[in-house]
C-alpha atoms as a PDB file:
ATOM      1  CA  MET A   1       0.000   0.000   0.000  1.00  0.00           C
ATOM      2  CA  ASN A   2       1.431   3.360  -1.050  1.00  0.00           C
ATOM      3  CA  TYR A   3       0.927   6.575   0.883  1.00  0.00           C
ATOM      4  CA  ASP A   4      -1.540   8.748  -0.999  1.00  0.00           C
ATOM      5  CA  PRO A   5      -0.710  12.468  -0.603  1.00  0.00           C
ATOM      6  CA  GLU A   6      -3.940  13.515  -2.302  1.00  0.00           C
ATOM      7  CA  TYR A   7      -6.013  11.773   0.341  1.00  0.00           C
ATOM      8  CA  HIS A   8      -3.860  12.158   3.406  1.00  0.00           C
ATOM      9  CA  HIS A   9      -2.587  15.714   3.437  1.00  0.00           C
ATOM     10  CA  ARG A  10      -3.654  17.868   0.519  1.00  0.00           C
ATOM     11  CA  ARG A  11      -6.555  19.138   2.581  1.00  0.00           C
ATOM     12  CA  SER A  12      -6.967  20.289   6.143  1.00  0.00           C
ATOM     13  CA  ILE A  13      -8.323  17.477   8.294  1.00  0.00           C
ATOM     14  CA  ARG A  14      -8.500  19.243  11.625  1.00  0.00           C
ATOM     15  CA  LEU A  15     -10.895  17.307  13.793  1.00  0.00           C
ATOM     16  CA  PRO A  16     -13.537  19.359  15.606  1.00  0.00           C
ATOM     17  CA  GLY A  17     -12.803  19.174  19.314  1.00  0.00           C
ATOM     18  CA  TRP A  18      -9.448  17.394  18.949  1.00  0.00           C
ATOM     19  CA  ASP A  19      -6.880  18.675  21.438  1.00  0.00           C
ATOM     20  CA  TYR A  20      -3.827  19.460  19.303  1.00  0.00           C
ATOM     21  CA  ALA A  21      -1.745  19.852  22.449  1.00  0.00           C
ATOM     22  CA  SER A  22      -2.248  16.161  23.283  1.00  0.00           C
ATOM     23  CA  ALA A  23       0.724  13.814  23.066  1.00  0.00           C
ATOM     24  CA  GLY A  24       1.381  12.059  19.776  1.00  0.00           C
ATOM     25  CA  ALA A  25       2.618  12.512  16.219  1.00  0.00           C
ATOM     26  CA  TYR A  26       1.319  14.960  13.616  1.00  0.00           C
ATOM     27  CA  PHE A  27       2.244  15.059   9.922  1.00  0.00           C
ATOM     28  CA  VAL A  28       2.270  18.642   8.648  1.00  0.00           C
ATOM     29  CA  THR A  29       2.706  20.287   5.258  1.00  0.00           C
ATOM     30  CA  ILE A  30       3.377  24.012   4.941  1.00  0.00           C
ATOM     31  CA  CYS A  31       3.396  25.675   1.506  1.00  0.00           C
ATOM     32  CA  THR A  32       4.945  28.944   0.465  1.00  0.00           C
ATOM     33  CA  HIS A  33       2.828  31.939  -0.491  1.00  0.00           C
ATOM     34  CA  GLU A  34       1.418  31.350  -3.977  1.00  0.00           C
ATOM     35  CA  ARG A  35       3.550  28.172  -4.186  1.00  0.00           C
ATOM     36  CA  LEU A  36       6.627  30.238  -5.077  1.00  0.00           C
ATOM     37  CA  CYS A  37       9.869  28.229  -5.189  1.00  0.00           C
ATOM     38  CA  LEU A  38      11.807  30.093  -2.495  1.00  0.00           C
ATOM     39  CA  PHE A  39      13.979  27.478  -0.807  1.00  0.00           C
ATOM     40  CA  GLY A  40      16.208  26.039  -3.540  1.00  0.00           C
ATOM     41  CA  GLU A  41      15.929  23.475  -6.319  1.00  0.00           C
ATOM     42  CA  VAL A  42      15.806  19.747  -6.898  1.00  0.00           C
ATOM     43  CA  ALA A  43      18.636  18.331  -8.998  1.00  0.00           C
ATOM     44  CA  ASP A  44      19.233  14.633  -9.660  1.00  0.00           C
ATOM     45  CA  GLY A  45      16.574  13.730  -7.133  1.00  0.00           C
ATOM     46  CA  GLN A  46      18.235  15.716  -4.344  1.00  0.00           C
ATOM     47  CA  MET A  47      17.096  18.966  -2.763  1.00  0.00           C
ATOM     48  CA  ARG A  48      19.715  21.719  -2.884  1.00  0.00           C
ATOM     49  CA  LEU A  49      18.917  24.421  -0.368  1.00  0.00           C
ATOM     50  CA  ASN A  50      19.610  28.076  -0.995  1.00  0.00           C
ATOM     51  CA  PRO A  51      20.248  30.469   1.927  1.00  0.00           C
ATOM     52  CA  TRP A  52      16.518  30.863   2.531  1.00  0.00           C
ATOM     53  CA  GLY A  53      16.080  27.090   2.614  1.00  0.00           C
ATOM     54  CA  GLU A  54      18.918  26.860   5.118  1.00  0.00           C
ATOM     55  CA  ILE A  55      17.035  29.290   7.354  1.00  0.00           C
ATOM     56  CA  VAL A  56      13.995  27.001   7.216  1.00  0.00           C
ATOM     57  CA  GLN A  57      16.183  24.020   8.162  1.00  0.00           C
ATOM     58  CA  GLU A  58      17.787  25.864  11.061  1.00  0.00           C
ATOM     59  CA  GLU A  59      14.562  27.225  12.497  1.00  0.00           C
ATOM     60  CA  TRP A  60      12.641  23.940  12.263  1.00  0.00           C
ATOM     61  CA  PHE A  61      15.058  22.187  14.586  1.00  0.00           C
ATOM     62  CA  ARG A  62      15.783  25.265  16.690  1.00  0.00           C
ATOM     63  CA  SER A  63      12.077  25.270  17.513  1.00  0.00           C
ATOM     64  CA  ALA A  64      12.530  21.971  19.318  1.00  0.00           C
ATOM     65  CA  ASP A  65      15.428  23.414  21.298  1.00  0.00           C
ATOM     66  CA  ILE A  66      13.206  26.115  22.781  1.00  0.00           C
ATOM     67  CA  ARG A  67       9.968  24.123  23.126  1.00  0.00           C
ATOM     68  CA  GLN A  68      10.303  21.295  25.602  1.00  0.00           C
ATOM     69  CA  GLU A  69       7.045  19.688  24.482  1.00  0.00           C
ATOM     70  CA  ILE A  70       8.293  19.214  20.882  1.00  0.00           C
ATOM     71  CA  VAL A  71      10.482  16.423  19.492  1.00  0.00           C
ATOM     72  CA  LEU A  72      11.694  16.506  15.888  1.00  0.00           C
ATOM     73  CA  HIS A  73      13.738  13.976  13.896  1.00  0.00           C
ATOM     74  CA  ARG A  74      15.928  14.673  10.890  1.00  0.00           C
ATOM     75  CA  ASP A  75      14.624  11.703   8.927  1.00  0.00           C
ATOM     76  CA  GLU A  76      11.068  13.010   9.372  1.00  0.00           C
ATOM     77  CA  PHE A  77      11.515  16.390   7.713  1.00  0.00           C
ATOM     78  CA  VAL A  78      12.122  17.563   4.163  1.00  0.00           C
ATOM     79  CA  ILE A  79      12.324  20.990   2.562  1.00  0.00           C
ATOM     80  CA  MET A  80      11.134  21.224  -1.030  1.00  0.00           C
ATOM     81  CA  PRO A  81      11.384  24.275  -3.332  1.00  0.00           C
ATOM     82  CA  ASN A  82       7.946  25.576  -2.300  1.00  0.00           C
ATOM     83  CA  HIS A  83       6.789  23.514   0.678  1.00  0.00           C
ATOM     84  CA  VAL A  84       7.970  21.504   3.647  1.00  0.00           C
ATOM     85  CA  HIS A  85       6.807  18.198   5.115  1.00  0.00           C
ATOM     86  CA  GLY A  86       7.517  17.174   8.685  1.00  0.00           C
ATOM     87  CA  ILE A  87       6.393  15.028  11.578  1.00  0.00           C
ATOM     88  CA  VAL A  88       5.940  16.873  14.865  1.00  0.00           C
ATOM     89  CA  TRP A  89       5.963  14.845  18.074  1.00  0.00           C
ATOM     90  CA  ILE A  90       4.272  16.369  21.107  1.00  0.00           C
ATOM     91  CA  VAL A  91       5.436  14.632  24.280  1.00  0.00           C
ATOM     92  CA  PRO A  92       3.409  14.447  27.498  1.00  0.00           C
ATOM     93  CA  ASN A  93       4.287  17.196  29.973  1.00  0.00           C
ATOM     94  CA  GLY A  94       7.363  18.050  27.914  1.00  0.00           C
ATOM     95  CA  ASP A  95       9.007  14.778  29.004  1.00  0.00           C
ATOM     96  CA  ARG A  96      11.511  13.951  26.280  1.00  0.00           C
ATOM     97  CA  GLY A  97      13.149  11.122  28.193  1.00  0.00           C
ATOM     98  CA  ASP A  98      16.420  10.297  26.405  1.00  0.00           C
ATOM     99  CA  ARG A  99      15.468  12.096  23.198  1.00  0.00           C
ATOM    100  CA  GLY A 100      17.927  14.870  23.981  1.00  0.00           C
ATOM    101  CA  ASN A 101      17.565  18.101  22.036  1.00  0.00           C
ATOM    102  CA  GLY A 102      14.681  16.895  19.908  1.00  0.00           C
ATOM    103  CA  ARG A 103      16.728  16.555  16.726  1.00  0.00           C
ATOM    104  CA  GLY A 104      16.904  12.774  16.665  1.00  0.00           C
ATOM    105  CA  ASP A 105      20.721  12.884  16.661  1.00  0.00           C
ATOM    106  CA  ARG A 106      21.351  10.052  19.091  1.00  0.00           C
ATOM    107  CA  ASP A 107      20.472   7.292  16.632  1.00  0.00           C
ATOM    108  CA  GLY A 108      20.230   8.899  13.216  1.00  0.00           C
ATOM    109  CA  GLY A 109      16.670  10.014  13.823  1.00  0.00           C
ATOM    110  CA  ARG A 110      15.067   6.614  14.383  1.00  0.00           C
ATOM    111  CA  GLY A 111      15.108   6.411  18.145  1.00  0.00           C
ATOM    112  CA  ASP A 112      12.597   6.371  20.939  1.00  0.00           C
ATOM    113  CA  ARG A 113       9.370   7.958  19.765  1.00  0.00           C
ATOM    114  CA  PRO A 114       6.191   8.413  21.750  1.00  0.00           C
ATOM    115  CA  GLY A 115       3.152   6.495  20.574  1.00  0.00           C
ATOM    116  CA  ALA A 116       0.594   7.924  18.172  1.00  0.00           C
ATOM    117  CA  PRO A 117      -2.365   9.722  19.772  1.00  0.00           C
ATOM    118  CA  THR A 118      -5.136   7.419  20.879  1.00  0.00           C
ATOM    119  CA  SER A 119      -6.910   9.510  23.511  1.00  0.00           C
ATOM    120  CA  ALA A 120     -10.539  10.528  23.179  1.00  0.00           C
ATOM    121  CA  ILE A 121     -11.461  13.815  21.545  1.00  0.00           C
ATOM    122  CA  THR A 122     -12.033  16.529  24.114  1.00  0.00           C
ATOM    123  CA  PRO A 123     -13.335  20.088  23.664  1.00  0.00           C
ATOM    124  CA  ILE A 124     -10.758  22.892  23.478  1.00  0.00           C
ATOM    125  CA  PRO A 125     -11.192  26.670  23.320  1.00  0.00           C
ATOM    126  CA  PRO A 126     -10.799  28.486  19.986  1.00  0.00           C
ATOM    127  CA  GLY A 127      -7.416  29.826  18.878  1.00  0.00           C
ATOM    128  CA  PRO A 128      -3.948  28.247  19.174  1.00  0.00           C
ATOM    129  CA  ALA A 129      -3.350  26.935  22.667  1.00  0.00           C
ATOM    130  CA  ARG A 130       0.035  27.190  24.333  1.00  0.00           C
ATOM    131  CA  ARG A 131       2.247  24.125  23.812  1.00  0.00           C
ATOM    132  CA  SER A 132       0.057  23.012  20.887  1.00  0.00           C
ATOM    133  CA  LEU A 133       0.766  22.126  17.274  1.00  0.00           C
ATOM    134  CA  ALA A 134      -0.705  25.437  16.106  1.00  0.00           C
ATOM    135  CA  SER A 135       1.453  27.394  18.544  1.00  0.00           C
ATOM    136  CA  PHE A 136       4.600  25.594  17.403  1.00  0.00           C
ATOM    137  CA  LEU A 137       3.894  26.152  13.705  1.00  0.00           C
ATOM    138  CA  ALA A 138       2.918  29.790  14.184  1.00  0.00           C
ATOM    139  CA  GLY A 139       6.212  30.490  15.917  1.00  0.00           C
ATOM    140  CA  PHE A 140       8.213  28.616  13.274  1.00  0.00           C
ATOM    141  CA  LYS A 141       6.542  30.393  10.366  1.00  0.00           C
ATOM    142  CA  SER A 142       6.932  33.781  12.020  1.00  0.00           C
ATOM    143  CA  VAL A 143      10.659  33.549  12.690  1.00  0.00           C
ATOM    144  CA  VAL A 144      11.399  32.133   9.228  1.00  0.00           C
ATOM    145  CA  THR A 145       9.448  34.969   7.610  1.00  0.00           C
ATOM    146  CA  LYS A 146      11.278  37.579   9.659  1.00  0.00           C
ATOM    147  CA  ARG A 147      14.733  36.195   8.829  1.00  0.00           C
ATOM    148  CA  ILE A 148      14.072  35.722   5.115  1.00  0.00           C
ATOM    149  CA  ASN A 149      12.529  39.172   4.759  1.00  0.00           C
ATOM    150  CA  THR A 150      15.527  40.698   6.510  1.00  0.00           C
ATOM    151  CA  LEU A 151      17.830  39.058   3.945  1.00  0.00           C
ATOM    152  CA  ARG A 152      15.761  40.148   0.969  1.00  0.00           C
ATOM    153  CA  GLU A 153      15.016  43.576   2.483  1.00  0.00           C
ATOM    154  CA  ALA A 154      11.294  43.067   2.050  1.00  0.00           C
ATOM    155  CA  PRO A 155       9.515  43.623   5.368  1.00  0.00           C
ATOM    156  CA  GLY A 156       5.921  42.493   5.434  1.00  0.00           C
ATOM    157  CA  VAL A 157       6.114  40.309   2.319  1.00  0.00           C
ATOM    158  CA  PRO A 158       4.489  36.911   2.968  1.00  0.00           C
ATOM    159  CA  VAL A 159       6.641  33.782   2.840  1.00  0.00           C
ATOM    160  CA  TRP A 160       4.049  31.148   3.759  1.00  0.00           C
ATOM    161  CA  GLN A 161       0.478  30.355   2.922  1.00  0.00           C
ATOM    162  CA  ARG A 162      -1.759  31.471   5.750  1.00  0.00           C
ATOM    163  CA  ASN A 163      -2.848  27.949   6.662  1.00  0.00           C
ATOM    164  CA  TYR A 164      -1.194  24.537   6.783  1.00  0.00           C
ATOM    165  CA  TYR A 165      -2.228  20.914   6.367  1.00  0.00           C
ATOM    166  CA  GLU A 166      -2.011  18.350   9.140  1.00  0.00           C
ATOM    167  CA  HIS A 167      -2.789  14.691   9.696  1.00  0.00           C
ATOM    168  CA  ILE A 168      -2.921  12.901  13.045  1.00  0.00           C
ATOM    169  CA  ILE A 169      -0.702   9.800  12.862  1.00  0.00           C
ATOM    170  CA  ARG A 170      -2.652   7.114  14.644  1.00  0.00           C
ATOM    171  CA  ASP A 171      -0.443   3.992  14.423  1.00  0.00           C
ATOM    172  CA  GLU A 172       2.987   2.651  13.505  1.00  0.00           C
ATOM    173  CA  ARG A 173       1.862   1.516  10.067  1.00  0.00           C
ATOM    174  CA  ALA A 174       0.739   5.012   9.105  1.00  0.00           C
ATOM    175  CA  LEU A 175       3.968   6.408  10.549  1.00  0.00           C
ATOM    176  CA  GLY A 176       5.980   4.125   8.266  1.00  0.00           C
ATOM    177  CA  TYR A 177       4.088   5.220   5.159  1.00  0.00           C
ATOM    178  CA  ILE A 178       4.478   8.881   5.986  1.00  0.00           C
ATOM    179  CA  ARG A 179       8.174   8.642   6.831  1.00  0.00           C
ATOM    180  CA  GLU A 180       8.815   6.902   3.502  1.00  0.00           C
ATOM    181  CA  TYR A 181       6.845   9.579   1.679  1.00  0.00           C
ATOM    182  CA  ILE A 182       8.870  12.346   3.335  1.00  0.00           C
ATOM    183  CA  LEU A 183      12.227  10.730   2.573  1.00  0.00           C
ATOM    184  CA  ASN A 184      11.330  10.071  -1.075  1.00  0.00           C
ATOM    185  CA  ASN A 185       9.788  13.473  -1.745  1.00  0.00           C
ATOM    186  CA  PRO A 186      12.749  15.019  -3.618  1.00  0.00           C
ATOM    187  CA  ALA A 187      12.994  12.006  -5.936  1.00  0.00           C
ATOM    188  CA  ARG A 188       9.309  12.482  -6.827  1.00  0.00           C
ATOM    189  CA  TRP A 189       9.530  16.200  -7.529  1.00  0.00           C
ATOM    190  CA  GLU A 190       9.003  15.757 -11.272  1.00  0.00           C
ATOM    191  CA  THR A 191       5.494  14.447 -10.608  1.00  0.00           C
ATOM    192  CA  ASP A 192       4.702  16.574  -7.538  1.00  0.00           C
ATOM    193  CA  GLU A 193       1.534  18.626  -7.961  1.00  0.00           C
ATOM    194  CA  ASN A 194       3.350  21.546  -6.301  1.00  0.00           C
ATOM    195  CA  ASN A 195       5.985  21.568  -9.066  1.00  0.00           C
ATOM    196  CA  PRO A 196       5.379  24.689 -11.221  1.00  0.00           C
ATOM    197  CA  ALA A 197       6.941  22.939 -14.228  1.00  0.00           C
ATOM    198  CA  LEU A 198       4.292  20.227 -14.016  1.00  0.00           C
ATOM    199  CA  SER A 199       1.522  22.828 -13.991  1.00  0.00           C
ATOM    200  CA  SER A 200       3.079  24.542 -17.009  1.00  0.00           C
ATOM    201  CA  ARG A 201       3.179  21.279 -18.939  1.00  0.00           C
ATOM    202  CA  ARG A 202      -0.479  20.656 -18.153  1.00  0.00           C
ATOM    203  CA  ASP A 203      -1.443  24.162 -19.321  1.00  0.00           C
ATOM    204  CA  HIS A 204       0.550  23.681 -22.525  1.00  0.00           C
ATOM    205  CA  ARG A 205      -1.345  20.498 -23.401  1.00  0.00           C
ATOM    206  CA  ARG A 206      -4.712  22.241 -23.100  1.00  0.00           C
END
């Protein structure tokens, strides 16, 4: 069974009443504003980051350094020319155990991971709660935007789409599919629906 990006993460699947601060794993996709290719290019199936892409890389993992409730792994994150995919682990009470700085460095990114969320859905107040997925992503997007706009001397210019896509990872099988999809994303760029060249070819055939 192959992971189907069209079904699993090309739409927002936020669950009404789900507590996005609860412990577990969340697959997120964040696209650039108007799908502009800001972060580098794919060559020979490998992503080559430009300075803006390097900022995204730095700030993704720096976010785990300053947020004790977040664990991130290098083999669960990829930057593409106009979007990023990543798995965000929220740990109970900020208890990382032996996961260190949240970067998955101790064992190449495959080490001790908390289980996928299985708790019941409980009501939460509107707006991003502290120590939640929304809070983490808002902070990440904000600091990346500020740093990139400083480099390009363009204050106030949007870097990201306003929203993001997320999927609650409920079991180990789903985790395996999603991790494989993330790792293979650069090799599939030629057929990625976010690839502007693919859209141009489709328009040309019409």
